[in-house]
Amino acid sequence: MVVMSKQSPKIEQFCVVNSKQSANTLIPLIDLSQPDSKSCLVKACEEFGIFKVINHGIPTQFISKLESKAIEFFSSPMSEKEKAGPPDPVGYGNKSIGPNGDVGWVEYLLLSTNSENDCQRIASVVGETPENFSLCVNNYVKEVKKMACDILEMLADGLMIQQKNVFSELLMDKQSDSVFRLNHYPPCPMHNGKNLIGFGEHTDPQIISILRSNNTSGLQISLEEGSWISVPADQDSFFINVGDSLQVMTNGRFKSVRHRVLANSHKSRVSMIYFGGPPLSEKIAPLPSLLKQGNSNSLYKEFTWFEYKKSAYKSKLADNRLCLFEKIIA
């Protein structure tokens, strides 16, 4: 059993929600090996902002090995895990999410994808050599990054954009500000018949997110009318989220999905997320070619990824971060 802190926190610190608001949701399932996958991807990004993919080609051993390392780390004594923290912003974190008071029933590791120094502190906790741990992380990240780029190029093609790498080149750039996150949600008893919030509602600010979790439920997405539906656990597929930056670049055609995680009362949940981000200096704005296609005005002001990241970091999780960058259309 994983202990999250030296003393049990008061349950009142955490938000609780009714876990009965669940339903089988029709999250689009897309087979990347099929010829119609391109149009299916575009439709999923327009209608849901989230979908799951199969036949992704990522070697099973890379997935299972990294998940095993993550479980080993999170099973370590708190005194050992704290050696890999606090997150600044990378490193080990526990309950606190960001600097603005958000909390959740979660502990996590946040790693930069452009630096191997992060693995130094983590490897020592599980008695692993930094080289081996780094290799394990890099093998996985390399594969999911490739999948993210392939999907982004299919999306560009599906949108009839001539420059097929207009999105993917931002992830491939050596200065790409992409990050990788390992989350662990220990089992948590219900409080007055309700589940604790593991990770509060939010959208992802980057371009695209690639999520893989073990076979434990908890992920929920918000529909347009504000209701929440549960996403059935599926350890064999990858879930893909549209991020805020991709919503802006498509001038709102693709939707950045609002989502959250509920703590499971019986089983622990481990998730691994690759957040594909652009370089800090990259200017984010609706693509001119898409504006011409739709004969429409830009819905957003131009901003750099650094400006948006800085603004998002100052906000609360549930805030609508994009509202500060929306244009007022007369």
C-alpha atoms as a PDB file:
ATOM      1  CA  MET A   1       0.000   0.000   0.000  1.00  0.00           C
ATOM      2  CA  VAL A   2       1.319   3.441  -0.909  1.00  0.00           C
ATOM      3  CA  VAL A   3       1.340   6.065   1.811  1.00  0.00           C
ATOM      4  CA  MET A   4       0.877   9.569   0.454  1.00  0.00           C
ATOM      5  CA  SER A   5       1.974  11.539   3.486  1.00  0.00           C
ATOM      6  CA  LYS A   6       3.360  11.138   6.954  1.00  0.00           C
ATOM      7  CA  GLN A   7       0.032  12.211   8.433  1.00  0.00           C
ATOM      8  CA  SER A   8      -3.390  11.587   6.934  1.00  0.00           C
ATOM      9  CA  PRO A   9      -4.855  14.871   5.660  1.00  0.00           C
ATOM     10  CA  LYS A  10      -8.284  15.971   6.782  1.00  0.00           C
ATOM     11  CA  ILE A  11     -10.820  14.838   4.217  1.00  0.00           C
ATOM     12  CA  GLU A  12     -12.370  18.336   4.180  1.00  0.00           C
ATOM     13  CA  GLN A  13      -9.286  19.628   2.368  1.00  0.00           C
ATOM     14  CA  PHE A  14     -10.391  17.826  -0.754  1.00  0.00           C
ATOM     15  CA  CYS A  15     -13.346  18.374  -3.036  1.00  0.00           C
ATOM     16  CA  VAL A  16     -15.822  15.488  -3.261  1.00  0.00           C
ATOM     17  CA  VAL A  17     -18.228  14.683  -6.082  1.00  0.00           C
ATOM     18  CA  ASN A  18     -21.022  12.219  -6.635  1.00  0.00           C
ATOM     19  CA  SER A  19     -19.577   9.180  -8.399  1.00  0.00           C
ATOM     20  CA  LYS A  20     -23.022   8.055  -9.643  1.00  0.00           C
ATOM     21  CA  GLN A  21     -22.877  10.548 -12.509  1.00  0.00           C
ATOM     22  CA  SER A  22     -21.485   7.939 -14.848  1.00  0.00           C
ATOM     23  CA  ALA A  23     -22.491   6.597 -18.223  1.00  0.00           C
ATOM     24  CA  ASN A  24     -21.015   4.616 -21.055  1.00  0.00           C
ATOM     25  CA  THR A  25     -19.716   7.335 -23.300  1.00  0.00           C
ATOM     26  CA  LEU A  26     -19.167   7.099 -27.001  1.00  0.00           C
ATOM     27  CA  ILE A  27     -15.568   8.272 -26.978  1.00  0.00           C
ATOM     28  CA  PRO A  28     -14.468   7.837 -30.602  1.00  0.00           C
ATOM     29  CA  LEU A  29     -12.294   4.757 -31.113  1.00  0.00           C
ATOM     30  CA  ILE A  30      -9.965   5.193 -34.074  1.00  0.00           C
ATOM     31  CA  ASP A  31      -7.920   2.465 -35.711  1.00  0.00           C
ATOM     32  CA  LEU A  32      -4.805   4.228 -37.002  1.00  0.00           C
ATOM     33  CA  SER A  33      -4.201   1.446 -39.514  1.00  0.00           C
ATOM     34  CA  GLN A  34      -7.450   2.112 -41.391  1.00  0.00           C
ATOM     35  CA  PRO A  35      -7.654   4.340 -44.492  1.00  0.00           C
ATOM     36  CA  ASP A  36     -10.536   6.414 -43.075  1.00  0.00           C
ATOM     37  CA  SER A  37      -8.681   7.265 -39.862  1.00  0.00           C
ATOM     38  CA  LYS A  38      -7.782  10.766 -41.084  1.00  0.00           C
ATOM     39  CA  SER A  39     -11.391  11.923 -41.414  1.00  0.00           C
ATOM     40  CA  CYS A  40     -12.307  10.170 -38.173  1.00  0.00           C
ATOM     41  CA  LEU A  41      -9.565  12.062 -36.336  1.00  0.00           C
ATOM     42  CA  VAL A  42     -10.803  15.428 -37.594  1.00  0.00           C
ATOM     43  CA  LYS A  43     -14.402  14.638 -36.652  1.00  0.00           C
ATOM     44  CA  ALA A  44     -13.368  13.482 -33.161  1.00  0.00           C
ATOM     45  CA  CYS A  45     -11.394  16.691 -32.539  1.00  0.00           C
ATOM     46  CA  GLU A  46     -14.320  18.796 -33.695  1.00  0.00           C
ATOM     47  CA  GLU A  47     -17.033  17.005 -31.747  1.00  0.00           C
ATOM     48  CA  PHE A  48     -15.340  15.697 -28.593  1.00  0.00           C
ATOM     49  CA  GLY A  49     -11.779  16.979 -28.263  1.00  0.00           C
ATOM     50  CA  ILE A  50     -10.807  13.494 -27.095  1.00  0.00           C
ATOM     51  CA  PHE A  51     -10.558  10.073 -28.712  1.00  0.00           C
ATOM     52  CA  LYS A  52      -8.731   6.812 -28.232  1.00  0.00           C
ATOM     53  CA  VAL A  53      -6.546   5.000 -30.717  1.00  0.00           C
ATOM     54  CA  ILE A  54      -5.655   1.380 -31.383  1.00  0.00           C
ATOM     55  CA  ASN A  55      -3.051  -0.178 -33.691  1.00  0.00           C
ATOM     56  CA  HIS A  56      -0.718   2.591 -32.628  1.00  0.00           C
ATOM     57  CA  GLY A  57       2.442   0.505 -33.037  1.00  0.00           C
ATOM     58  CA  ILE A  58       3.988   1.376 -29.668  1.00  0.00           C
ATOM     59  CA  PRO A  59       5.884  -1.660 -28.319  1.00  0.00           C
ATOM     60  CA  THR A  60       4.171  -3.224 -25.320  1.00  0.00           C
ATOM     61  CA  GLN A  61       7.469  -3.695 -23.492  1.00  0.00           C
ATOM     62  CA  PHE A  62       8.133   0.058 -23.441  1.00  0.00           C
ATOM     63  CA  ILE A  63       4.719   0.659 -21.863  1.00  0.00           C
ATOM     64  CA  SER A  64       4.868  -2.112 -19.261  1.00  0.00           C
ATOM     65  CA  LYS A  65       8.466  -1.405 -18.267  1.00  0.00           C
ATOM     66  CA  LEU A  66       7.852   2.268 -17.572  1.00  0.00           C
ATOM     67  CA  GLU A  67       4.622   1.575 -15.718  1.00  0.00           C
ATOM     68  CA  SER A  68       6.495  -0.935 -13.580  1.00  0.00           C
ATOM     69  CA  LYS A  69       9.157   1.670 -12.774  1.00  0.00           C
ATOM     70  CA  ALA A  70       6.455   4.197 -11.898  1.00  0.00           C
ATOM     71  CA  ILE A  71       4.707   1.787  -9.527  1.00  0.00           C
ATOM     72  CA  GLU A  72       8.036   0.964  -7.924  1.00  0.00           C
ATOM     73  CA  PHE A  73       8.757   4.649  -7.359  1.00  0.00           C
ATOM     74  CA  PHE A  74       5.333   5.498  -5.939  1.00  0.00           C
ATOM     75  CA  SER A  75       5.508   2.447  -3.631  1.00  0.00           C
ATOM     76  CA  SER A  76       8.662   3.812  -2.003  1.00  0.00           C
ATOM     77  CA  PRO A  77       8.549   5.390   1.477  1.00  0.00           C
ATOM     78  CA  MET A  78       7.549   9.056   1.488  1.00  0.00           C
ATOM     79  CA  SER A  79      10.938  10.043   2.911  1.00  0.00           C
ATOM     80  CA  GLU A  80      12.580   8.555  -0.187  1.00  0.00           C
ATOM     81  CA  LYS A  81      10.123   9.995  -2.712  1.00  0.00           C
ATOM     82  CA  GLU A  82      10.583  13.475  -1.278  1.00  0.00           C
ATOM     83  CA  LYS A  83      14.217  13.323  -2.371  1.00  0.00           C
ATOM     84  CA  ALA A  84      12.912  13.732  -5.931  1.00  0.00           C
ATOM     85  CA  GLY A  85      10.980  16.880  -5.013  1.00  0.00           C
ATOM     86  CA  PRO A  86       9.677  19.435  -4.614  1.00  0.00           C
ATOM     87  CA  PRO A  87       8.597  20.128  -8.212  1.00  0.00           C
ATOM     88  CA  ASP A  88      10.295  23.297  -9.460  1.00  0.00           C
ATOM     89  CA  PRO A  89       8.384  22.763 -11.729  1.00  0.00           C
ATOM     90  CA  VAL A  90       9.811  19.307 -12.562  1.00  0.00           C
ATOM     91  CA  GLY A  91      10.216  16.667  -9.882  1.00  0.00           C
ATOM     92  CA  TYR A  92       7.989  14.911  -7.332  1.00  0.00           C
ATOM     93  CA  GLY A  93       4.796  16.490  -6.043  1.00  0.00           C
ATOM     94  CA  ASN A  94       2.179  15.319  -3.578  1.00  0.00           C
ATOM     95  CA  LYS A  95      -1.413  16.631  -3.333  1.00  0.00           C
ATOM     96  CA  SER A  96      -0.596  20.242  -4.204  1.00  0.00           C
ATOM     97  CA  ILE A  97      -1.245  21.025  -7.871  1.00  0.00           C
ATOM     98  CA  GLY A  98       0.319  24.282  -8.979  1.00  0.00           C
ATOM     99  CA  PRO A  99       0.984  27.365  -6.839  1.00  0.00           C
ATOM    100  CA  ASN A 100      -2.609  28.579  -6.430  1.00  0.00           C
ATOM    101  CA  GLY A 101      -4.098  26.304  -3.803  1.00  0.00           C
ATOM    102  CA  ASP A 102      -5.451  23.481  -5.965  1.00  0.00           C
ATOM    103  CA  VAL A 103      -5.217  20.093  -4.259  1.00  0.00           C
ATOM    104  CA  GLY A 104      -6.055  16.555  -5.292  1.00  0.00           C
ATOM    105  CA  TRP A 105      -5.763  12.956  -4.147  1.00  0.00           C
ATOM    106  CA  VAL A 106      -2.690  12.475  -6.312  1.00  0.00           C
ATOM    107  CA  GLU A 107       1.065  12.260  -6.267  1.00  0.00           C
ATOM    108  CA  TYR A 108       3.098  12.741  -9.398  1.00  0.00           C
ATOM    109  CA  LEU A 109       6.387  13.038 -11.199  1.00  0.00           C
ATOM    110  CA  LEU A 110       6.790  15.807 -13.761  1.00  0.00           C
ATOM    111  CA  LEU A 111       9.710  15.496 -16.173  1.00  0.00           C
ATOM    112  CA  SER A 112      11.056  17.613 -18.997  1.00  0.00           C
ATOM    113  CA  THR A 113      11.412  15.690 -22.261  1.00  0.00           C
ATOM    114  CA  ASN A 114      14.515  17.697 -23.207  1.00  0.00           C
ATOM    115  CA  SER A 115      16.618  16.994 -20.139  1.00  0.00           C
ATOM    116  CA  GLU A 116      17.938  13.792 -18.659  1.00  0.00           C
ATOM    117  CA  ASN A 117      18.904  15.516 -15.411  1.00  0.00           C
ATOM    118  CA  ASP A 118      15.396  14.984 -14.039  1.00  0.00           C
ATOM    119  CA  CYS A 119      15.932  11.230 -13.976  1.00  0.00           C
ATOM    120  CA  GLN A 120      18.946  11.538 -11.662  1.00  0.00           C
ATOM    121  CA  ARG A 121      16.909  12.193  -8.508  1.00  0.00           C
ATOM    122  CA  ILE A 122      14.172   9.705  -9.401  1.00  0.00           C
ATOM    123  CA  ALA A 123      16.466   6.805 -10.246  1.00  0.00           C
ATOM    124  CA  SER A 124      18.148   6.933  -6.839  1.00  0.00           C
ATOM    125  CA  VAL A 125      14.784   6.427  -5.088  1.00  0.00           C
ATOM    126  CA  VAL A 126      14.141   3.071  -6.781  1.00  0.00           C
ATOM    127  CA  GLY A 127      17.776   1.948  -6.599  1.00  0.00           C
ATOM    128  CA  GLU A 128      18.136   2.259 -10.359  1.00  0.00           C
ATOM    129  CA  THR A 129      21.018   3.727 -12.309  1.00  0.00           C
ATOM    130  CA  PRO A 130      20.141   7.100 -13.888  1.00  0.00           C
ATOM    131  CA  GLU A 131      21.135   5.697 -17.287  1.00  0.00           C
ATOM    132  CA  ASN A 132      18.685   2.787 -17.079  1.00  0.00           C
ATOM    133  CA  PHE A 133      15.827   4.877 -15.756  1.00  0.00           C
ATOM    134  CA  SER A 134      16.475   7.565 -18.342  1.00  0.00           C
ATOM    135  CA  LEU A 135      16.529   4.962 -21.118  1.00  0.00           C
ATOM    136  CA  CYS A 136      13.191   3.584 -19.935  1.00  0.00           C
ATOM    137  CA  VAL A 137      11.608   7.057 -19.987  1.00  0.00           C
ATOM    138  CA  ASN A 138      13.226   8.064 -23.274  1.00  0.00           C
ATOM    139  CA  ASN A 139      12.132   4.882 -25.086  1.00  0.00           C
ATOM    140  CA  TYR A 140       8.525   5.500 -24.106  1.00  0.00           C
ATOM    141  CA  VAL A 141       8.534   9.241 -24.769  1.00  0.00           C
ATOM    142  CA  LYS A 142      10.181   8.770 -28.169  1.00  0.00           C
ATOM    143  CA  GLU A 143       7.381   6.429 -29.243  1.00  0.00           C
ATOM    144  CA  VAL A 144       4.449   8.523 -27.980  1.00  0.00           C
ATOM    145  CA  LYS A 145       6.010  11.664 -29.444  1.00  0.00           C
ATOM    146  CA  LYS A 146       6.190   9.949 -32.834  1.00  0.00           C
ATOM    147  CA  MET A 147       2.556   8.902 -32.524  1.00  0.00           C
ATOM    148  CA  ALA A 148       1.571  12.464 -31.567  1.00  0.00           C
ATOM    149  CA  CYS A 149       3.383  13.842 -34.614  1.00  0.00           C
ATOM    150  CA  ASP A 150       1.814  11.254 -36.925  1.00  0.00           C
ATOM    151  CA  ILE A 151      -1.659  12.139 -35.629  1.00  0.00           C
ATOM    152  CA  LEU A 152      -1.002  15.876 -35.962  1.00  0.00           C
ATOM    153  CA  GLU A 153       0.120  15.402 -39.563  1.00  0.00           C
ATOM    154  CA  MET A 154      -2.991  13.360 -40.328  1.00  0.00           C
ATOM    155  CA  LEU A 155      -5.089  16.126 -38.797  1.00  0.00           C
ATOM    156  CA  ALA A 156      -3.339  18.770 -40.915  1.00  0.00           C
ATOM    157  CA  ASP A 157      -3.965  16.646 -43.994  1.00  0.00           C
ATOM    158  CA  GLY A 158      -7.592  16.163 -42.998  1.00  0.00           C
ATOM    159  CA  LEU A 159      -7.969  19.934 -42.663  1.00  0.00           C
ATOM    160  CA  MET A 160      -6.511  20.302 -46.173  1.00  0.00           C
ATOM    161  CA  ILE A 161      -3.536  22.323 -44.936  1.00  0.00           C
ATOM    162  CA  GLN A 162      -0.735  22.252 -47.499  1.00  0.00           C
ATOM    163  CA  GLN A 163       2.042  22.225 -44.891  1.00  0.00           C
ATOM    164  CA  LYS A 164       1.400  18.806 -43.353  1.00  0.00           C
ATOM    165  CA  ASN A 165       3.914  19.332 -40.542  1.00  0.00           C
ATOM    166  CA  VAL A 166       2.504  22.706 -39.454  1.00  0.00           C
ATOM    167  CA  PHE A 167       1.573  21.230 -36.042  1.00  0.00           C
ATOM    168  CA  SER A 168       4.084  18.400 -35.711  1.00  0.00           C
ATOM    169  CA  GLU A 169       7.140  20.564 -36.387  1.00  0.00           C
ATOM    170  CA  LEU A 170       6.486  22.344 -33.089  1.00  0.00           C
ATOM    171  CA  LEU A 171       6.911  19.065 -31.195  1.00  0.00           C
ATOM    172  CA  MET A 172       9.934  18.045 -33.278  1.00  0.00           C
ATOM    173  CA  ASP A 173      11.716  21.341 -32.649  1.00  0.00           C
ATOM    174  CA  LYS A 174      14.766  20.919 -30.386  1.00  0.00           C
ATOM    175  CA  GLN A 175      13.412  23.727 -28.221  1.00  0.00           C
ATOM    176  CA  SER A 176       9.991  22.105 -27.854  1.00  0.00           C
ATOM    177  CA  ASP A 177       8.617  22.730 -24.373  1.00  0.00           C
ATOM    178  CA  SER A 178       7.032  19.291 -24.033  1.00  0.00           C
ATOM    179  CA  VAL A 179       6.723  17.581 -20.651  1.00  0.00           C
ATOM    180  CA  PHE A 180       5.993  14.085 -19.390  1.00  0.00           C
ATOM    181  CA  ARG A 181       3.935  13.354 -16.293  1.00  0.00           C
ATOM    182  CA  LEU A 182       3.417  10.216 -14.209  1.00  0.00           C
ATOM    183  CA  ASN A 183       0.371  10.358 -11.909  1.00  0.00           C
ATOM    184  CA  HIS A 184      -0.511   8.003  -9.077  1.00  0.00           C
ATOM    185  CA  TYR A 185      -3.953   8.032  -7.438  1.00  0.00           C
ATOM    186  CA  PRO A 186      -4.001   5.729  -4.388  1.00  0.00           C
ATOM    187  CA  PRO A 187      -7.333   4.104  -3.497  1.00  0.00           C
ATOM    188  CA  CYS A 188      -9.411   6.421  -1.358  1.00  0.00           C
ATOM    189  CA  PRO A 189     -12.582   5.534   0.573  1.00  0.00           C
ATOM    190  CA  MET A 190     -15.713   7.474  -0.373  1.00  0.00           C
ATOM    191  CA  HIS A 191     -16.713  10.356   1.876  1.00  0.00           C
ATOM    192  CA  ASN A 192     -20.468  10.391   2.601  1.00  0.00           C
ATOM    193  CA  GLY A 193     -21.041   8.268  -0.493  1.00  0.00           C
ATOM    194  CA  LYS A 194     -18.998  10.499  -2.767  1.00  0.00           C
ATOM    195  CA  ASN A 195     -15.614  10.231  -4.450  1.00  0.00           C
ATOM    196  CA  LEU A 196     -12.738  12.588  -3.782  1.00  0.00           C
ATOM    197  CA  ILE A 197     -11.345  14.630  -6.633  1.00  0.00           C
ATOM    198  CA  GLY A 198      -8.045  13.112  -7.699  1.00  0.00           C
ATOM    199  CA  PHE A 199      -7.210  15.877 -10.172  1.00  0.00           C
ATOM    200  CA  GLY A 200      -9.549  18.831 -10.602  1.00  0.00           C
ATOM    201  CA  GLU A 201     -11.279  19.919 -13.807  1.00  0.00           C
ATOM    202  CA  HIS A 202      -9.082  21.634 -16.373  1.00  0.00           C
ATOM    203  CA  THR A 203      -8.049  21.763 -19.991  1.00  0.00           C
ATOM    204  CA  ASP A 204      -4.526  21.011 -21.163  1.00  0.00           C
ATOM    205  CA  PRO A 205      -2.742  24.170 -22.364  1.00  0.00           C
ATOM    206  CA  GLN A 206      -0.371  22.468 -24.811  1.00  0.00           C
ATOM    207  CA  ILE A 207      -1.024  21.312 -28.389  1.00  0.00           C
ATOM    208  CA  ILE A 208      -1.832  17.657 -27.767  1.00  0.00           C
ATOM    209  CA  SER A 209      -1.816  15.186 -24.865  1.00  0.00           C
ATOM    210  CA  ILE A 210      -1.183  11.437 -25.106  1.00  0.00           C
ATOM    211  CA  LEU A 211      -2.584   9.548 -22.120  1.00  0.00           C
ATOM    212  CA  ARG A 212      -2.182   5.943 -21.109  1.00  0.00           C
ATOM    213  CA  SER A 213      -3.426   4.513 -17.793  1.00  0.00           C
ATOM    214  CA  ASN A 214      -3.781   1.163 -16.095  1.00  0.00           C
ATOM    215  CA  ASN A 215      -7.132  -0.605 -16.016  1.00  0.00           C
ATOM    216  CA  THR A 216      -8.666   1.612 -13.298  1.00  0.00           C
ATOM    217  CA  SER A 217     -11.527   4.027 -13.873  1.00  0.00           C
ATOM    218  CA  GLY A 218     -11.520   7.668 -12.799  1.00  0.00           C
ATOM    219  CA  LEU A 219     -11.189   9.855 -15.892  1.00  0.00           C
ATOM    220  CA  GLN A 220     -14.217  12.009 -16.707  1.00  0.00           C
ATOM    221  CA  ILE A 221     -14.898  14.558 -19.435  1.00  0.00           C
ATOM    222  CA  SER A 222     -17.312  17.472 -19.459  1.00  0.00           C
ATOM    223  CA  LEU A 223     -19.909  17.725 -22.189  1.00  0.00           C
ATOM    224  CA  GLU A 224     -20.907  21.081 -23.668  1.00  0.00           C
ATOM    225  CA  GLU A 225     -23.967  21.366 -21.449  1.00  0.00           C
ATOM    226  CA  GLY A 226     -21.754  20.966 -18.375  1.00  0.00           C
ATOM    227  CA  SER A 227     -22.545  17.370 -17.377  1.00  0.00           C
ATOM    228  CA  TRP A 228     -19.727  14.952 -16.594  1.00  0.00           C
ATOM    229  CA  ILE A 229     -19.439  11.473 -18.057  1.00  0.00           C
ATOM    230  CA  SER A 230     -17.006   8.746 -17.120  1.00  0.00           C
ATOM    231  CA  VAL A 231     -14.492   7.417 -19.614  1.00  0.00           C
ATOM    232  CA  PRO A 232     -14.301   3.616 -19.271  1.00  0.00           C
ATOM    233  CA  ALA A 233     -10.803   2.409 -18.399  1.00  0.00           C
ATOM    234  CA  ASP A 234      -8.899   0.878 -21.300  1.00  0.00           C
ATOM    235  CA  GLN A 235      -5.294  -0.109 -20.708  1.00  0.00           C
ATOM    236  CA  ASP A 236      -4.781  -1.247 -24.300  1.00  0.00           C
ATOM    237  CA  SER A 237      -5.567   2.067 -25.979  1.00  0.00           C
ATOM    238  CA  PHE A 238      -4.126   5.561 -25.851  1.00  0.00           C
ATOM    239  CA  PHE A 239      -6.385   8.523 -25.183  1.00  0.00           C
ATOM    240  CA  ILE A 240      -5.618  11.696 -27.113  1.00  0.00           C
ATOM    241  CA  ASN A 241      -6.704  15.155 -25.923  1.00  0.00           C
ATOM    242  CA  VAL A 242      -6.845  18.359 -27.936  1.00  0.00           C
ATOM    243  CA  GLY A 243      -5.004  21.116 -26.038  1.00  0.00           C
ATOM    244  CA  ASP A 244      -5.761  24.836 -25.799  1.00  0.00           C
ATOM    245  CA  SER A 245      -2.981  25.716 -28.258  1.00  0.00           C
ATOM    246  CA  LEU A 246      -4.413  23.435 -30.948  1.00  0.00           C
ATOM    247  CA  GLN A 247      -7.862  24.928 -30.364  1.00  0.00           C
ATOM    248  CA  VAL A 248      -6.395  28.377 -31.036  1.00  0.00           C
ATOM    249  CA  MET A 249      -4.424  27.274 -34.103  1.00  0.00           C
ATOM    250  CA  THR A 250      -7.594  25.805 -35.623  1.00  0.00           C
ATOM    251  CA  ASN A 251      -9.549  28.953 -34.649  1.00  0.00           C
ATOM    252  CA  GLY A 252     -11.852  26.974 -32.396  1.00  0.00           C
ATOM    253  CA  ARG A 253     -12.643  24.254 -34.915  1.00  0.00           C
ATOM    254  CA  PHE A 254     -10.991  21.680 -32.646  1.00  0.00           C
ATOM    255  CA  LYS A 255     -12.133  21.659 -29.020  1.00  0.00           C
ATOM    256  CA  SER A 256      -9.868  21.508 -25.991  1.00  0.00           C
ATOM    257  CA  VAL A 257     -11.726  19.082 -23.744  1.00  0.00           C
ATOM    258  CA  ARG A 258     -12.364  19.863 -20.074  1.00  0.00           C
ATOM    259  CA  HIS A 259     -11.610  16.810 -17.936  1.00  0.00           C
ATOM    260  CA  ARG A 260     -10.913  15.647 -14.400  1.00  0.00           C
ATOM    261  CA  VAL A 261     -10.010  12.493 -12.450  1.00  0.00           C
ATOM    262  CA  LEU A 262     -11.918  11.006  -9.523  1.00  0.00           C
ATOM    263  CA  ALA A 263     -10.125   8.905  -6.945  1.00  0.00           C
ATOM    264  CA  ASN A 264     -11.109   5.240  -7.085  1.00  0.00           C
ATOM    265  CA  SER A 265     -12.348   3.780  -3.805  1.00  0.00           C
ATOM    266  CA  HIS A 266     -10.911   0.303  -4.435  1.00  0.00           C
ATOM    267  CA  LYS A 267      -7.904   0.408  -6.758  1.00  0.00           C
ATOM    268  CA  SER A 268      -4.955   2.665  -7.393  1.00  0.00           C
ATOM    269  CA  ARG A 269      -4.676   4.378 -10.758  1.00  0.00           C
ATOM    270  CA  VAL A 270      -1.428   5.090 -12.586  1.00  0.00           C
ATOM    271  CA  SER A 271      -1.426   7.303 -15.653  1.00  0.00           C
ATOM    272  CA  MET A 272       1.353   8.423 -17.991  1.00  0.00           C
ATOM    273  CA  ILE A 273       0.826  11.586 -20.045  1.00  0.00           C
ATOM    274  CA  TYR A 274       2.949  13.165 -22.749  1.00  0.00           C
ATOM    275  CA  PHE A 275       2.104  16.845 -23.223  1.00  0.00           C
ATOM    276  CA  GLY A 276       3.314  17.992 -26.646  1.00  0.00           C
ATOM    277  CA  GLY A 277       4.179  21.675 -26.418  1.00  0.00           C
ATOM    278  CA  PRO A 278       5.780  24.238 -28.765  1.00  0.00           C
ATOM    279  CA  PRO A 279       8.998  26.188 -28.131  1.00  0.00           C
ATOM    280  CA  LEU A 280       8.583  28.985 -25.588  1.00  0.00           C
ATOM    281  CA  SER A 281       9.120  31.660 -28.242  1.00  0.00           C
ATOM    282  CA  GLU A 282       6.608  30.169 -30.689  1.00  0.00           C
ATOM    283  CA  LYS A 283       3.738  32.453 -31.675  1.00  0.00           C
ATOM    284  CA  ILE A 284       0.336  30.820 -31.309  1.00  0.00           C
ATOM    285  CA  ALA A 285      -2.511  32.103 -33.484  1.00  0.00           C
ATOM    286  CA  PRO A 286      -5.181  30.771 -35.861  1.00  0.00           C
ATOM    287  CA  LEU A 287      -3.584  29.488 -39.067  1.00  0.00           C
ATOM    288  CA  PRO A 288      -4.145  31.903 -41.978  1.00  0.00           C
ATOM    289  CA  SER A 289      -4.960  29.000 -44.322  1.00  0.00           C
ATOM    290  CA  LEU A 290      -7.839  27.907 -42.076  1.00  0.00           C
ATOM    291  CA  LEU A 291      -9.172  31.466 -41.803  1.00  0.00           C
ATOM    292  CA  LYS A 292      -9.235  31.664 -45.604  1.00  0.00           C
ATOM    293  CA  GLN A 293     -11.046  28.335 -45.865  1.00  0.00           C
ATOM    294  CA  GLY A 294     -13.766  29.406 -43.495  1.00  0.00           C
ATOM    295  CA  ASN A 295     -13.932  33.046 -44.583  1.00  0.00           C
ATOM    296  CA  SER A 296     -13.906  33.855 -40.882  1.00  0.00           C
ATOM    297  CA  ASN A 297     -12.220  36.262 -38.509  1.00  0.00           C
ATOM    298  CA  SER A 298      -9.644  35.202 -35.959  1.00  0.00           C
ATOM    299  CA  LEU A 299     -11.248  34.411 -32.598  1.00  0.00           C
ATOM    300  CA  TYR A 300      -7.982  34.789 -30.713  1.00  0.00           C
ATOM    301  CA  LYS A 301      -5.214  37.300 -30.189  1.00  0.00           C
ATOM    302  CA  GLU A 302      -1.723  36.161 -31.115  1.00  0.00           C
ATOM    303  CA  PHE A 303       0.467  35.166 -28.155  1.00  0.00           C
ATOM    304  CA  THR A 304       3.670  33.263 -27.525  1.00  0.00           C
ATOM    305  CA  TRP A 305       3.645  29.911 -25.789  1.00  0.00           C
ATOM    306  CA  PHE A 306       5.720  31.511 -23.000  1.00  0.00           C
ATOM    307  CA  GLU A 307       3.009  34.148 -22.461  1.00  0.00           C
ATOM    308  CA  TYR A 308       0.248  31.563 -22.357  1.00  0.00           C
ATOM    309  CA  LYS A 309       2.175  29.176 -20.135  1.00  0.00           C
ATOM    310  CA  LYS A 310       2.951  31.995 -17.702  1.00  0.00           C
ATOM    311  CA  SER A 311      -0.702  33.040 -17.645  1.00  0.00           C
ATOM    312  CA  ALA A 312      -1.887  29.442 -17.148  1.00  0.00           C
ATOM    313  CA  TYR A 313       0.576  28.898 -14.299  1.00  0.00           C
ATOM    314  CA  LYS A 314      -0.929  31.878 -12.451  1.00  0.00           C
ATOM    315  CA  SER A 315      -4.481  30.590 -12.831  1.00  0.00           C
ATOM    316  CA  LYS A 316      -6.557  28.065 -10.935  1.00  0.00           C
ATOM    317  CA  LEU A 317      -7.059  24.646 -12.520  1.00  0.00           C
ATOM    318  CA  ALA A 318     -10.718  25.210 -13.370  1.00  0.00           C
ATOM    319  CA  ASP A 319     -10.233  28.691 -14.860  1.00  0.00           C
ATOM    320  CA  ASN A 320     -10.995  29.304 -18.528  1.00  0.00           C
ATOM    321  CA  ARG A 321      -7.453  30.238 -19.456  1.00  0.00           C
ATOM    322  CA  LEU A 322      -8.211  31.088 -23.060  1.00  0.00           C
ATOM    323  CA  CYS A 323     -10.750  33.794 -22.230  1.00  0.00           C
ATOM    324  CA  LEU A 324      -7.918  36.285 -21.656  1.00  0.00           C
ATOM    325  CA  PHE A 325      -6.762  35.768 -25.240  1.00  0.00           C
ATOM    326  CA  GLU A 326     -10.114  35.800 -27.008  1.00  0.00           C
ATOM    327  CA  LYS A 327     -10.935  38.637 -29.384  1.00  0.00           C
ATOM    328  CA  ILE A 328     -14.110  40.621 -28.856  1.00  0.00           C
ATOM    329  CA  ILE A 329     -15.986  40.376 -32.121  1.00  0.00           C
ATOM    330  CA  ALA A 330     -18.146  43.426 -32.754  1.00  0.00           C
END
